[in-house]
């Protein structure tokens, strides 16, 4: 009996552990299951060209910018990213269009016995679905974003045209290690033999790691930090996007040297139409005007530091912050970043990993952050809108899952 889309998605989410929902128990320590799945599907990843994008912050924005430029250049462009905000199908797109519900249902129904026999994770199945779809739809290129880390990530079965590592920060330390060098080493796991690698940002500790691993694998390495991005703008409005634009420009330069036909016009249009071409949400996104409400999916120390620095430069009378986090967040590293001169609306994202609002409130008080707790993200946001005057500013963030609930 055919299963419908909502049943398919329910099965994907509940049958099998998924890192985004349940945390550490979903993490696998090798690629054996993904390799087995790819072989069973007759290795679809070998049938199209790809670009692999890893990093602590910026990999989603960078992936979407690259996809947008390829679309403007007339290439049929696959895009695989995670997590999604509103709809599972956001993870798998071609030329900005989400995969159909029918394709998802048919794929799961057809291969479900194999998934169950091999106890595949949500992420492994989703990667299998993406590469199968890209092969069947005959994409010219697929931009593939790493889920977490790199070396052991399910996406790391591809041999791309180029590998891209945006930056390194202390995130997912329970899986990737608790030093910048160890995390860099995990992310450098996507560097392939003789495949060029572009590094977006470096620190002295991480640069050495990248240079060593690239040298071992005979992979040409290019650092994007010195790139002059003057005159390039994107419709992704966060200040931090300037760093991602540099990474994109250097990546495209390397790809052009490999024979991809991408003009200056394609680049300018691709960058300025990223949201329109790809449907990316949640990056310094305006939710409301009078009062202005802005959301951003930044959720670790480095990402929040940049977003909150931009927030401080905005023109407003009073600041309201709707804040929620997941339970494994290192609050001692992120709470000190938040301004004390704001009114807080503490809430819990509606997932098992969400941190209880009362616990967040108690912890935040220790850092001088004052506010009330609310039973849901939507109630917290509504309270902020009701309390704010037209010249006030509301910021919604702390977690991807908080942002998802206000979009």
Protein backbone atom coordinates (compact mmCIF):
# COMPACT_ATOMS: atom_id res chain seq x y z
CA UNK A 1 0.00 0.00 0.00
CA UNK A 2 1.38 3.39 -1.00
CA UNK A 3 2.23 5.71 1.85
CA UNK A 4 1.51 9.42 1.52
CA UNK A 5 4.00 12.23 2.01
CA UNK A 6 3.03 13.16 5.57
CA UNK A 7 3.33 9.50 6.64
CA UNK A 8 6.70 9.27 4.89
CA UNK A 9 8.04 12.33 6.70
CA UNK A 10 6.65 11.15 10.03
CA UNK A 11 8.47 7.85 9.53
CA UNK A 12 11.74 9.57 8.58
CA UNK A 13 11.59 11.79 11.66
CA UNK A 14 10.42 9.35 14.30
CA UNK A 15 11.71 5.91 13.32
CA UNK A 16 15.33 6.81 13.36
CA UNK A 17 17.49 9.03 15.53
CA UNK A 18 18.41 12.33 13.95
CA UNK A 19 21.10 14.57 15.37
CA UNK A 20 19.12 17.79 15.02
CA UNK A 21 16.31 16.40 17.17
CA UNK A 22 17.92 14.03 19.65
CA UNK A 23 21.61 14.90 19.71
CA UNK A 24 24.57 12.64 20.29
CA UNK A 25 22.87 9.23 20.00
CA UNK A 26 22.31 9.88 16.29
CA UNK A 27 25.99 10.43 15.45
CA UNK A 28 27.79 7.64 13.65
CA UNK A 29 31.53 7.19 13.79
CA UNK A 30 32.18 6.05 10.20
CA UNK A 31 30.90 6.26 6.63
CA UNK A 32 30.35 2.51 6.13
CA UNK A 33 26.55 2.74 6.06
CA UNK A 34 26.55 5.67 3.60
CA UNK A 35 29.03 3.91 1.32
CA UNK A 36 26.86 0.79 1.42
CA UNK A 37 23.74 2.85 0.63
CA UNK A 38 25.44 4.62 -2.30
CA UNK A 39 26.56 1.26 -3.73
CA UNK A 40 23.02 -0.13 -3.35
CA UNK A 41 21.70 2.93 -5.26
CA UNK A 42 24.41 2.30 -7.94
CA UNK A 43 26.54 5.27 -6.89
CA UNK A 44 24.47 8.22 -8.10
CA UNK A 45 27.05 10.67 -6.73
CA UNK A 46 29.39 9.67 -9.58
CA UNK A 47 26.95 10.84 -12.26
CA UNK A 48 27.13 14.61 -11.67
CA UNK A 49 29.74 17.26 -10.83
CA UNK A 50 29.66 18.63 -7.29
CA UNK A 51 31.02 21.29 -4.95
CA UNK A 52 31.44 20.36 -1.28
CA UNK A 53 31.01 23.05 1.40
CA UNK A 54 31.95 22.66 5.09
CA UNK A 55 32.56 25.10 7.96
CA UNK A 56 31.28 26.15 11.38
CA UNK A 57 29.43 29.25 10.14
CA UNK A 58 28.50 30.53 6.70
CA UNK A 59 28.36 27.22 4.87
CA UNK A 60 24.62 27.52 4.22
CA UNK A 61 24.85 31.08 2.90
CA UNK A 62 27.95 30.22 0.83
CA UNK A 63 26.22 27.15 -0.65
CA UNK A 64 23.14 29.18 -1.61
CA UNK A 65 25.23 31.99 -3.16
CA UNK A 66 27.18 29.47 -5.25
CA UNK A 67 23.95 27.78 -6.36
CA UNK A 68 22.46 31.14 -7.33
CA UNK A 69 25.49 32.04 -9.48
CA UNK A 70 25.39 28.66 -11.25
CA UNK A 71 21.67 29.15 -11.89
CA UNK A 72 22.34 32.58 -13.41
CA UNK A 73 25.04 30.98 -15.59
CA UNK A 74 22.40 28.61 -17.01
CA UNK A 75 23.52 25.40 -15.31
CA UNK A 76 20.92 22.99 -13.95
CA UNK A 77 21.90 23.27 -10.28
CA UNK A 78 21.21 20.89 -7.43
CA UNK A 79 21.45 22.18 -3.85
CA UNK A 80 21.62 19.98 -0.77
CA UNK A 81 21.61 21.74 2.63
CA UNK A 82 20.54 21.18 6.23
CA UNK A 83 18.72 21.64 8.50
CA UNK A 84 15.44 22.84 7.03
CA UNK A 85 13.38 25.60 8.62
CA UNK A 86 9.76 24.90 7.64
CA UNK A 87 9.64 22.01 5.19
CA UNK A 88 11.87 18.93 4.95
CA UNK A 89 12.03 19.45 1.18
CA UNK A 90 14.02 22.69 1.60
CA UNK A 91 17.04 20.39 1.99
CA UNK A 92 16.92 19.21 -1.62
CA UNK A 93 16.37 21.69 -4.46
CA UNK A 94 17.06 22.03 -8.16
CA UNK A 95 17.19 25.57 -9.56
CA UNK A 96 15.51 26.82 -6.39
CA UNK A 97 12.57 24.37 -6.60
CA UNK A 98 12.10 21.90 -3.77
CA UNK A 99 12.00 18.16 -4.46
CA UNK A 100 8.42 16.97 -4.95
CA UNK A 101 6.48 15.25 -2.18
CA UNK A 102 5.86 12.37 -4.59
CA UNK A 103 9.57 11.79 -5.19
CA UNK A 104 10.26 11.68 -1.44
CA UNK A 105 7.41 9.23 -0.80
CA UNK A 106 8.30 6.97 -3.72
CA UNK A 107 11.99 6.86 -2.78
CA UNK A 108 11.31 5.95 0.86
CA UNK A 109 8.65 3.38 -0.04
CA UNK A 110 10.88 1.71 -2.63
CA UNK A 111 13.96 1.47 -0.41
CA UNK A 112 12.43 1.18 3.06
CA UNK A 113 13.34 -2.53 3.55
CA UNK A 114 17.01 -1.69 2.86
CA UNK A 115 16.90 1.30 5.23
CA UNK A 116 15.43 -0.80 8.02
CA UNK A 117 17.71 -3.80 7.48
CA UNK A 118 20.76 -1.54 7.67
CA UNK A 119 19.45 0.78 10.42
CA UNK A 120 20.27 3.86 8.41
CA UNK A 121 20.10 7.26 10.08
CA UNK A 122 17.83 10.11 8.98
CA UNK A 123 20.84 11.90 7.56
CA UNK A 124 22.15 8.90 5.60
CA UNK A 125 18.75 8.34 4.02
CA UNK A 126 18.41 12.02 3.16
CA UNK A 127 21.82 12.09 1.47
CA UNK A 128 20.80 8.97 -0.49
CA UNK A 129 17.56 10.67 -1.53
CA UNK A 130 19.41 13.83 -2.66
CA UNK A 131 22.04 12.12 -4.79
CA UNK A 132 19.44 9.78 -6.32
CA UNK A 133 17.27 12.79 -7.21
CA UNK A 134 20.16 14.78 -8.67
CA UNK A 135 21.17 11.84 -10.88
CA UNK A 136 17.62 11.19 -12.07
CA UNK A 137 17.05 14.88 -12.86
CA UNK A 138 20.44 15.06 -14.62
CA UNK A 139 21.81 18.15 -12.85
CA UNK A 140 24.93 19.80 -14.30
CA UNK A 141 26.29 20.51 -10.83
CA UNK A 142 25.23 19.99 -7.21
CA UNK A 143 26.30 22.20 -4.32
CA UNK A 144 26.46 19.86 -1.33
CA UNK A 145 26.64 21.29 2.19
CA UNK A 146 28.18 19.19 4.95
CA UNK A 147 25.76 18.43 7.79
CA UNK A 148 28.30 18.42 10.61
CA UNK A 149 32.07 18.18 10.70
CA UNK A 150 33.32 16.74 7.44
CA UNK A 151 35.45 13.63 7.72
CA UNK A 152 32.60 11.41 8.97
CA UNK A 153 29.71 13.34 7.48
CA UNK A 154 27.42 11.32 5.20
CA UNK A 155 28.04 13.77 2.36
CA UNK A 156 31.75 12.88 2.36
CA UNK A 157 31.34 10.14 -0.24
CA UNK A 158 31.57 12.65 -3.11
CA UNK A 159 34.67 13.64 -5.07
CA UNK A 160 33.91 17.27 -5.88
CA UNK A 161 35.31 19.79 -8.34
CA UNK A 162 36.41 21.88 -5.36
CA UNK A 163 36.13 21.61 -1.58
CA UNK A 164 35.24 24.72 0.44
CA UNK A 165 35.77 25.25 4.19
CA UNK A 166 34.29 28.57 5.32
CA UNK A 167 35.73 28.86 8.85
CA UNK A 168 36.30 27.04 12.13
CA UNK A 169 34.68 27.73 15.51
CA UNK A 170 33.92 25.77 18.67
CA UNK A 171 30.60 24.13 17.82
CA UNK A 172 29.42 20.50 18.18
CA UNK A 173 32.46 19.93 20.41
CA UNK A 174 30.97 16.72 21.84
CA UNK A 175 31.43 15.16 18.39
CA UNK A 176 34.23 17.07 16.70
CA UNK A 177 36.65 17.79 19.54
CA UNK A 178 37.08 20.72 21.90
CA UNK A 179 40.02 22.51 20.30
CA UNK A 180 40.11 24.53 17.08
CA UNK A 181 42.85 22.26 15.73
CA UNK A 182 40.77 19.11 16.24
CA UNK A 183 37.67 20.66 14.70
CA UNK A 184 39.75 21.92 11.75
CA UNK A 185 41.10 18.42 11.29
CA UNK A 186 37.55 16.97 11.19
CA UNK A 187 36.39 19.58 8.66
CA UNK A 188 39.56 19.13 6.61
CA UNK A 189 38.37 15.54 6.17
CA UNK A 190 36.53 16.75 3.05
CA UNK A 191 39.84 17.61 1.34
CA UNK A 192 40.30 15.04 -1.45
CA UNK A 193 43.39 13.94 -3.32
CA UNK A 194 44.37 16.54 -5.95
CA UNK A 195 41.05 18.44 -5.54
CA UNK A 196 41.51 22.20 -4.91
CA UNK A 197 40.36 23.44 -1.50
CA UNK A 198 39.27 27.01 -0.72
CA UNK A 199 39.55 28.20 2.88
CA UNK A 200 37.30 31.15 3.80
CA UNK A 201 38.78 32.29 7.10
CA UNK A 202 41.74 31.08 9.12
CA UNK A 203 43.25 31.34 12.55
CA UNK A 204 46.91 30.50 13.21
CA UNK A 205 45.84 27.19 14.83
CA UNK A 206 43.64 26.14 11.90
CA UNK A 207 45.76 27.36 8.99
CA UNK A 208 48.55 24.92 9.86
CA UNK A 209 46.09 22.01 9.94
CA UNK A 210 44.63 22.89 6.54
CA UNK A 211 48.06 23.35 4.96
CA UNK A 212 49.34 20.02 6.31
CA UNK A 213 46.33 17.98 5.19
CA UNK A 214 46.17 19.68 1.77
CA UNK A 215 49.88 19.01 1.30
CA UNK A 216 49.49 15.31 2.24
CA UNK A 217 46.69 14.96 -0.31
CA UNK A 218 48.39 17.03 -3.00
CA UNK A 219 45.36 19.34 -2.98
CA UNK A 220 45.99 22.93 -4.18
CA UNK A 221 44.96 25.24 -1.33
CA UNK A 222 43.68 28.81 -1.77
CA UNK A 223 42.93 31.24 1.07
CA UNK A 224 40.04 33.63 0.42
CA UNK A 225 40.74 36.20 3.16
CA UNK A 226 42.91 38.40 0.93
CA UNK A 227 40.31 38.51 -1.86
CA UNK A 228 39.11 42.02 -2.74
CA UNK A 229 35.30 41.86 -2.74
CA UNK A 230 34.80 45.61 -3.31
CA UNK A 231 31.77 46.23 -5.49
CA UNK A 232 30.09 42.89 -4.74
CA UNK A 233 26.87 42.82 -2.73
CA UNK A 234 24.26 40.19 -1.95
CA UNK A 235 20.59 40.27 -1.07
CA UNK A 236 21.67 38.39 2.07
CA UNK A 237 22.04 41.44 4.28
CA UNK A 238 24.10 40.46 7.33
CA UNK A 239 27.50 42.19 7.61
CA UNK A 240 29.01 38.72 7.97
CA UNK A 241 28.02 37.93 4.37
CA UNK A 242 31.03 39.94 3.14
CA UNK A 243 33.27 37.11 4.34
CA UNK A 244 31.10 34.55 2.57
CA UNK A 245 31.16 36.64 -0.64
CA UNK A 246 34.99 36.50 -0.62
CA UNK A 247 34.85 32.71 -0.27
CA UNK A 248 32.36 32.48 -3.14
CA UNK A 249 34.44 34.73 -5.43
CA UNK A 250 37.62 32.70 -4.89
CA UNK A 251 35.73 29.41 -5.34
CA UNK A 252 34.27 30.65 -8.64
CA UNK A 253 37.71 31.79 -9.84
CA UNK A 254 39.07 28.26 -9.29
CA UNK A 255 36.03 26.72 -11.00
CA UNK A 256 36.44 29.01 -14.02
CA UNK A 257 40.04 27.80 -14.30
CA UNK A 258 38.59 24.27 -14.47
CA UNK A 259 36.44 25.19 -17.45
CA UNK A 260 33.12 26.28 -15.93
CA UNK A 261 31.67 29.16 -17.95
CA UNK A 262 30.70 31.85 -15.45
CA UNK A 263 30.76 35.54 -16.39
CA UNK A 264 31.10 38.62 -14.22
CA UNK A 265 27.43 39.34 -14.89
CA UNK A 266 26.46 35.86 -13.68
CA UNK A 267 28.39 36.46 -10.46
CA UNK A 268 26.89 39.91 -9.78
CA UNK A 269 23.34 38.72 -10.55
CA UNK A 270 23.79 35.47 -8.65
CA UNK A 271 24.94 37.24 -5.50
CA UNK A 272 22.23 39.90 -5.63
CA UNK A 273 19.43 37.36 -6.35
CA UNK A 274 20.43 34.62 -3.89
CA UNK A 275 17.16 34.71 -1.90
CA UNK A 276 15.06 34.97 -5.06
CA UNK A 277 16.91 32.16 -6.86
CA UNK A 278 17.27 29.70 -3.97
CA UNK A 279 14.59 30.58 -1.40
CA UNK A 280 17.07 30.86 1.48
CA UNK A 281 15.44 32.03 4.72
CA UNK A 282 16.52 33.04 8.22
CA UNK A 283 19.69 35.04 7.47
CA UNK A 284 19.24 38.57 8.91
CA UNK A 285 15.67 38.33 7.67
CA UNK A 286 13.18 41.17 8.25
CA UNK A 287 9.99 39.72 9.77
CA UNK A 288 8.10 42.91 10.53
CA UNK A 289 8.25 46.69 10.17
CA UNK A 290 7.07 49.30 12.70
CA UNK A 291 8.38 47.82 14.95
CA UNK A 292 11.24 46.26 13.01
CA UNK A 293 11.68 42.56 13.79
CA UNK A 294 14.72 40.66 12.53
CA UNK A 295 15.59 36.98 12.85
CA UNK A 296 18.87 35.16 12.27
CA UNK A 297 19.80 31.50 12.61
CA UNK A 298 23.25 32.22 14.16
CA UNK A 299 23.53 29.91 17.17
CA UNK A 300 27.18 29.55 18.21
CA UNK A 301 29.70 31.95 19.70
CA UNK A 302 31.30 33.10 16.43
CA UNK A 303 28.01 33.47 14.57
CA UNK A 304 26.22 35.26 17.40
CA UNK A 305 29.18 37.59 17.96
CA UNK A 306 28.85 38.89 14.39
CA UNK A 307 25.06 39.13 14.43
CA UNK A 308 24.93 40.91 17.80
CA UNK A 309 27.64 43.34 16.64
CA UNK A 310 25.40 44.23 13.69
CA UNK A 311 22.38 44.51 15.99
CA UNK A 312 24.25 47.07 18.11
CA UNK A 313 24.72 49.28 15.03
CA UNK A 314 21.00 49.39 14.22
CA UNK A 315 19.00 52.53 15.02
CA UNK A 316 16.31 51.83 17.62
CA UNK A 317 14.77 53.15 20.82
CA UNK A 318 14.43 49.94 22.87
CA UNK A 319 15.67 46.44 22.13
CA UNK A 320 13.57 43.28 22.61
CA UNK A 321 15.17 39.83 22.23
CA UNK A 322 13.20 36.62 21.78
CA UNK A 323 15.69 33.94 22.80
CA UNK A 324 15.61 30.16 22.85
CA UNK A 325 18.35 27.52 22.61
CA UNK A 326 18.94 23.77 22.48
CA UNK A 327 19.89 21.91 25.63
CA UNK A 328 23.46 21.05 24.60
CA UNK A 329 24.38 24.70 23.92
CA UNK A 330 27.39 26.03 25.86
CA UNK A 331 25.54 28.93 27.49
CA UNK A 332 28.63 30.20 29.29
CA UNK A 333 30.19 31.01 25.92
CA UNK A 334 27.13 32.61 24.27
CA UNK A 335 25.13 34.41 27.01
CA UNK A 336 27.93 36.93 27.79
CA UNK A 337 27.64 38.13 24.16
CA UNK A 338 24.06 39.33 24.60
CA UNK A 339 23.36 42.99 25.51
CA UNK A 340 22.15 43.74 29.04
CA UNK A 341 20.12 46.77 27.89
CA UNK A 342 17.40 44.65 26.27
CA UNK A 343 14.15 43.08 27.40
CA UNK A 344 14.24 39.31 27.00
CA UNK A 345 11.47 36.87 26.05
CA UNK A 346 12.78 33.43 26.94
CA UNK A 347 11.24 30.44 25.19
CA UNK A 348 11.87 26.81 24.28
CA UNK A 349 12.03 25.64 20.66
CA UNK A 350 9.47 22.90 20.08
CA UNK A 351 11.85 19.93 19.71
CA UNK A 352 13.06 17.33 22.23
CA UNK A 353 16.49 19.01 22.38
CA UNK A 354 14.99 22.39 23.26
CA UNK A 355 16.17 23.86 26.59
CA UNK A 356 13.37 24.59 29.05
CA UNK A 357 12.63 28.34 29.12
CA UNK A 358 12.81 28.51 32.93
CA UNK A 359 16.32 27.03 32.90
CA UNK A 360 17.40 29.50 30.22
CA UNK A 361 15.91 32.40 32.20
CA UNK A 362 17.75 31.35 35.39
CA UNK A 363 21.06 30.99 33.56
CA UNK A 364 20.58 34.30 31.69
CA UNK A 365 19.88 36.18 34.93
CA UNK A 366 23.38 35.22 36.05
CA UNK A 367 24.67 37.28 33.12
CA UNK A 368 22.44 40.26 33.86
CA UNK A 369 19.86 39.49 31.15
CA UNK A 370 16.36 40.36 32.35
CA UNK A 371 13.01 39.16 31.04
CA UNK A 372 10.14 36.70 31.31
CA UNK A 373 9.63 33.12 30.17
CA UNK A 374 6.94 32.10 27.68
CA UNK A 375 5.37 28.73 26.91
CA UNK A 376 6.20 28.88 23.20
CA UNK A 377 8.29 30.77 20.66
CA UNK A 378 5.16 32.21 19.01
CA UNK A 379 3.82 33.48 22.38
CA UNK A 380 7.21 35.08 23.14
CA UNK A 381 7.33 36.75 19.73
CA UNK A 382 3.74 37.96 20.03
CA UNK A 383 4.50 39.43 23.47
CA UNK A 384 7.53 41.26 22.05
CA UNK A 385 5.47 42.69 19.16
CA UNK A 386 2.76 43.83 21.60
CA UNK A 387 5.26 45.43 23.97
CA UNK A 388 7.36 47.22 21.35
CA UNK A 389 6.76 50.75 20.13
CA UNK A 390 7.22 51.58 16.43
CA UNK A 391 10.81 52.77 16.95
CA UNK A 392 11.86 49.66 18.88
CA UNK A 393 13.76 46.69 17.47
CA UNK A 394 12.93 43.01 18.04
CA UNK A 395 15.53 40.31 17.45
CA UNK A 396 14.57 36.63 17.30
CA UNK A 397 17.31 34.00 17.56
CA UNK A 398 19.57 31.71 19.54
CA UNK A 399 18.66 28.62 17.53
CA UNK A 400 17.68 27.60 14.02
CA UNK A 401 14.60 26.01 15.56
CA UNK A 402 13.48 29.27 17.21
CA UNK A 403 13.73 31.08 13.88
CA UNK A 404 11.80 28.29 12.14
CA UNK A 405 8.84 28.89 14.45
CA UNK A 406 8.47 32.60 13.56
CA UNK A 407 8.81 32.28 9.80
